[in-house]
Amino acid sequence: MSRIKKLEIHLEIDELGSESILLKADRFHIKESNGIYLIELENAIMLRDYPLEQGSLLFVKTNVGSSIMSIYCLEKQYLIQREKPQPICIKAEYGWIRADFCSFYLDLIKSWSNREQKYNWRDLSIFKKRVWLNACLDWNGLQQTINSSDKDLIIDCSIINSKMDVYCLIGETFLGYSGYMGRNLDALVDCLRCLKNINEFSIHFKNFRHLKTLDIPYYKIANENFSNHLMDIFKKHMVATFE
C-alpha cells in the first residue's frame, strides 16, 4: 500500500534560502514556445497571497517525490488566496528539470492515486520503464514485507528482454503491481535487506540461462556477468533456485 493517498502538485518559492509552499494543485501542464514556458496549474489552492517578482525562483514538486523542475518567473504577478480552487498560469523560463521526468510520471502517479491499473510495464519503452521504476520508488518507498500469498515465488526469465525488465518483474513478483525492488543491483540488495519476512519465502528462477543472452554493456565491458551477480545476491539473501 502506498504511503500517499492523493497526488498533489506543489509550487514553492525560495525565500531566504528556504523553500515555502505557495499553492497546491491537482495537475500541471507545460507549454513551450521559443524557450518560454507557460506553467498551467489546475484546481490550485493558494495558501497565502504572494507577489511574484520577475526573476523569482520557483520549484514545482509533488507530495510523492523530489523536485520536478525549477523555473524563473518572467513577469510580475500577484497570486491571490481564494476560497475556491482556481486555475493559475505562470510565464517562466526553466532553470532545471529532472532528466528522468516526463508527463508519463504524473500520469502513472495519478492513475495509482485513483487506484487504477491502466499501465503495464511490459508494454513500455525502455525509457518509460525507467520512469516506472522511479515512480514505484516515490509512490511506495522501500517496503518491509513481501506481498504474496504464495510462499514459493516464481520468476520466468523468458519474458525479460532488458535490464529494466529484470527490476520491474522482481518488484511485481515480490510486492505486486507498482512494487519496487531496486533499479540496479546495489538497490536490489538494499530492498532485500529491508524485507522482514524474507525467510518465509523461496524464489525459483525459470529459464534463468535466458539472462545470459542479454546485452548489458556495463558488465560486458567490465568482463563481469550480470546473471552471476544476480544469482549470488539471491542465494545470499534467501532460498533461491535457478533452472
Foldseek 3Di string as FASTA:
>chain_A
DWPDQAKKKFKWFQDPNDTDTQKIARDWDWDDDPQKIKIKGHQIAGPAKDWQAQQTKMFIDMPQDDTAFIWGFHHIDIDHGDPTGDMDITITGTDDGPPLDDVVLVVVRRCVSVVHDPDDLLPDDPSVLVSLQVSLCSGHNQDAAFPDPDQEFEAECVSDAALSSVQCRVQCRRHNPSGGQDSDLVSNLVSLVRHPCQASHEYEYHPLCVQQPHCDPVCVVVVHGPSVSVVVSRVVRYHYYYD
